[in-house]
Protein backbone atom coordinates (compact mmCIF):
# COMPACT_ATOMS: atom_id res chain seq x y z
CA UNK A 1 -176.64 -13.35 90.44
CA UNK A 2 -178.29 -16.38 88.90
CA UNK A 3 -181.18 -14.26 87.53
CA UNK A 4 -178.64 -11.76 86.11
CA UNK A 5 -176.86 -14.62 84.31
CA UNK A 6 -180.17 -15.93 82.94
CA UNK A 7 -181.12 -12.44 81.74
CA UNK A 8 -177.73 -11.99 80.04
CA UNK A 9 -177.99 -15.43 78.42
CA UNK A 10 -181.47 -14.57 77.11
CA UNK A 11 -180.27 -11.24 75.73
CA UNK A 12 -177.29 -12.89 74.03
CA UNK A 13 -179.49 -15.61 72.53
CA UNK A 14 -181.95 -12.98 71.29
CA UNK A 15 -179.13 -10.90 69.77
CA UNK A 16 -177.72 -13.99 68.04
CA UNK A 17 -181.13 -14.91 66.64
CA UNK A 18 -181.61 -11.38 65.32
CA UNK A 19 -178.19 -11.35 63.66
CA UNK A 20 -178.82 -14.71 62.05
CA UNK A 21 -182.28 -13.85 60.78
CA UNK A 22 -180.96 -10.58 59.33
CA UNK A 23 -178.15 -12.37 57.48
CA UNK A 24 -178.07 -12.43 53.71
CA UNK A 25 -179.34 -15.72 52.27
CA UNK A 26 -178.48 -17.39 48.98
CA UNK A 27 -181.83 -17.56 47.17
CA UNK A 28 -183.03 -18.76 43.79
CA UNK A 29 -185.28 -16.98 41.31
CA UNK A 30 -186.19 -18.69 38.03
CA UNK A 31 -183.11 -20.90 38.27
CA UNK A 32 -180.70 -18.05 39.03
CA UNK A 33 -178.93 -17.57 42.36
CA UNK A 34 -178.17 -14.39 44.27
CA UNK A 35 -176.17 -12.80 45.89
CA UNK A 36 -173.02 -12.98 43.82
CA UNK A 37 -169.48 -12.20 44.88
CA UNK A 38 -168.00 -9.21 43.05
CA UNK A 39 -164.67 -7.40 42.83
CA UNK A 40 -165.03 -3.63 42.50
CA UNK A 41 -162.07 -1.82 40.93
CA UNK A 42 -161.87 1.94 41.36
CA UNK A 43 -160.25 4.43 38.93
CA UNK A 44 -157.15 4.66 41.15
CA UNK A 45 -156.57 0.90 40.72
CA UNK A 46 -157.64 -0.08 44.24
CA UNK A 47 -160.09 -2.96 44.43
CA UNK A 48 -162.14 -4.80 47.02
CA UNK A 49 -164.48 -7.75 47.19
CA UNK A 50 -168.10 -7.61 48.30
CA UNK A 51 -171.42 -9.37 47.73
CA UNK A 52 -173.84 -7.80 45.27
CA UNK A 53 -177.20 -7.68 47.00
CA UNK A 54 -178.99 -5.61 44.36
CA UNK A 55 -179.19 -2.68 41.98
CA UNK A 56 -180.94 0.56 42.93
CA UNK A 57 -180.92 4.31 42.31
CA UNK A 58 -179.33 7.04 44.46
CA UNK A 59 -182.62 7.95 46.16
CA UNK A 60 -184.13 4.49 46.72
CA UNK A 61 -183.58 1.86 49.37
CA UNK A 62 -185.48 -0.85 47.47
CA UNK A 63 -183.45 -2.78 44.93
CA UNK A 64 -183.56 -5.49 42.27
CA UNK A 65 -182.02 -8.60 43.80
CA UNK A 66 -181.28 -10.98 40.92
CA UNK A 67 -180.93 -8.98 37.74
CA UNK A 68 -179.60 -5.81 36.21
CA UNK A 69 -181.91 -4.03 33.76
CA UNK A 70 -180.36 -1.83 31.08
CA UNK A 71 -181.34 -0.20 27.79
CA UNK A 72 -179.85 -1.53 24.55
CA UNK A 73 -180.09 -0.67 20.83
CA UNK A 74 -179.35 3.01 21.45
CA UNK A 75 -181.93 3.14 24.21
CA UNK A 76 -184.80 1.70 22.13
CA UNK A 77 -184.91 -1.69 23.88
CA UNK A 78 -184.67 -2.98 27.41
CA UNK A 79 -182.72 -6.06 28.51
CA UNK A 80 -182.46 -7.85 31.83
CA UNK A 81 -179.20 -9.56 32.83
CA UNK A 82 -179.16 -12.15 35.63
CA UNK A 83 -176.38 -11.38 38.13
CA UNK A 84 -175.05 -14.95 37.94
CA UNK A 85 -174.72 -14.70 34.12
CA UNK A 86 -172.65 -11.48 34.08
CA UNK A 87 -168.85 -11.66 33.89
CA UNK A 88 -168.14 -7.91 34.16
CA UNK A 89 -169.36 -4.36 33.79
CA UNK A 90 -166.83 -1.87 32.39
CA UNK A 91 -166.70 1.74 31.27
CA UNK A 92 -169.17 3.28 33.70
CA UNK A 93 -166.65 5.76 35.12
CA UNK A 94 -166.26 7.39 31.67
CA UNK A 95 -169.93 8.27 31.26
CA UNK A 96 -170.72 11.96 30.76
CA UNK A 97 -174.48 11.94 30.08
CA UNK A 98 -177.45 9.75 31.01
CA UNK A 99 -177.45 8.33 27.47
CA UNK A 100 -173.77 7.30 27.24
CA UNK A 101 -173.15 3.58 26.93
CA UNK A 102 -170.87 1.05 28.63
CA UNK A 103 -170.10 -2.67 28.27
CA UNK A 104 -171.71 -5.65 30.00
CA UNK A 105 -169.77 -8.86 29.33
CA UNK A 106 -171.61 -12.11 29.92
CA UNK A 107 -170.03 -15.35 31.12
CA UNK A 108 -170.54 -16.82 27.64
CA UNK A 109 -168.15 -14.13 26.31
CA UNK A 110 -170.67 -11.91 24.52
CA UNK A 111 -170.30 -8.17 25.04
CA UNK A 112 -173.31 -5.90 24.97
CA UNK A 113 -173.31 -2.11 24.77
CA UNK A 114 -175.91 -0.80 27.21
CA UNK A 115 -177.17 2.38 28.83
CA UNK A 116 -178.64 2.77 32.27
CA UNK A 117 -182.37 2.39 32.81
CA UNK A 118 -184.32 4.26 35.50
CA UNK A 119 -186.96 3.67 38.15
CA UNK A 120 -190.38 5.10 37.40
CA UNK A 121 -193.20 4.96 39.93
CA UNK A 122 -195.74 4.43 37.17
CA UNK A 123 -194.05 1.14 36.21
CA UNK A 124 -194.68 -0.39 39.63
CA UNK A 125 -191.29 0.71 40.89
CA UNK A 126 -189.37 -1.42 38.38
CA UNK A 127 -186.16 -0.23 36.77
CA UNK A 128 -187.59 -0.13 33.26
CA UNK A 129 -187.62 3.45 32.08
CA UNK A 130 -185.47 5.97 30.30
CA UNK A 131 -183.55 8.18 32.74
CA UNK A 132 -184.80 11.74 32.97
CA UNK A 133 -182.83 12.65 36.11
CA UNK A 134 -179.69 11.11 37.62
CA UNK A 135 -181.41 10.44 40.94
CA UNK A 136 -183.76 7.90 39.31
CA UNK A 137 -181.08 6.08 37.30
CA UNK A 138 -180.45 2.42 38.22
CA UNK A 139 -176.71 2.88 38.60
CA UNK A 140 -176.09 2.08 42.26
CA UNK A 141 -174.85 -1.27 43.55
CA UNK A 142 -176.21 -2.31 46.93
CA UNK A 143 -173.36 -4.38 48.40
CA UNK A 144 -172.76 -6.30 51.61
CA UNK A 145 -169.26 -5.95 53.02
CA UNK A 146 -167.37 -8.50 55.10
CA UNK A 147 -168.10 -6.50 58.26
CA UNK A 148 -171.82 -7.13 57.52
CA UNK A 149 -172.49 -3.49 56.58
CA UNK A 150 -174.63 -2.54 53.60
CA UNK A 151 -173.23 0.11 51.29
CA UNK A 152 -174.34 1.88 48.13
CA UNK A 153 -171.61 2.02 45.46
CA UNK A 154 -172.15 4.38 42.52
CA UNK A 155 -171.31 2.54 39.28
CA UNK A 156 -170.30 5.85 37.75
CA UNK A 157 -167.41 6.03 40.20
CA UNK A 158 -165.90 2.58 39.54
CA UNK A 159 -163.64 1.44 36.74
CA UNK A 160 -165.05 -2.09 36.61
CA UNK A 161 -167.08 -4.71 38.44
CA UNK A 162 -166.03 -8.33 37.98
CA UNK A 163 -168.63 -10.95 38.88
CA UNK A 164 -166.86 -13.80 40.67
CA UNK A 165 -169.75 -16.24 41.01
CA UNK A 166 -172.54 -17.10 43.39
CA UNK A 167 -171.65 -16.56 47.05
CA UNK A 168 -170.73 -19.65 49.07
CA UNK A 169 -173.30 -20.73 51.59
CA UNK A 170 -173.49 -22.65 54.84
CA UNK A 171 -176.02 -25.42 55.49
CA UNK A 172 -178.67 -22.81 56.45
CA UNK A 173 -178.17 -20.98 53.09
CA UNK A 174 -176.48 -17.99 54.74
CA UNK A 175 -174.23 -16.24 52.20
CA UNK A 176 -170.53 -16.57 53.10
CA UNK A 177 -167.50 -14.57 51.96
CA UNK A 178 -164.67 -16.59 50.42
CA UNK A 179 -162.07 -15.86 53.17
CA UNK A 180 -164.41 -17.16 55.88
CA UNK A 181 -163.39 -20.64 57.05
CA UNK A 182 -166.28 -21.11 59.50
CA UNK A 183 -169.88 -19.95 59.38
CA UNK A 184 -170.56 -17.33 62.06
CA UNK A 185 -174.18 -18.50 62.03
CA UNK A 186 -174.01 -22.31 62.14
CA UNK A 187 -170.41 -22.73 63.35
CA UNK A 188 -169.73 -25.30 60.64
CA UNK A 189 -166.41 -25.51 58.82
CA UNK A 190 -166.93 -24.20 55.30
CA UNK A 191 -165.70 -26.02 52.22
């Protein structure tokens, strides 16, 4: 019985360590923090909160973790927007072609008309090209839900995405959802 208890304790400790190491961390890149908390509003008016982990395309599992790359100036230029500097993305559910534009509003109030960019293997896998097929277009949000699941959300199927700010964190830099009062990883009471 004692060895069974020790085995179970070891398994539980190992499972806890795996869950903690797999948790999303708040990390910095060039002075910008990610992930950010977002509110996704769907065309039917329903909304939900999540954490934006990255931007990807429908066929990729790799994603950009700190910035959103889009084409500006009618598709002639490329611009990168840090997640923590964006206030909202609107108008993506009205797009009909790969070259239609939508609005990115920054936290400083400026609004920029943009079009989606696309992944191209020749560019080192970066989202820097002009879309030639929908499957390569960087129009998918990789989000973490409160139940710890990862989900791909197609920007073309949402009315808006409001960026609520950098995710809260516990003392170990684990990203925390706003409703959480205690860290499931460190046990500390969150502020």
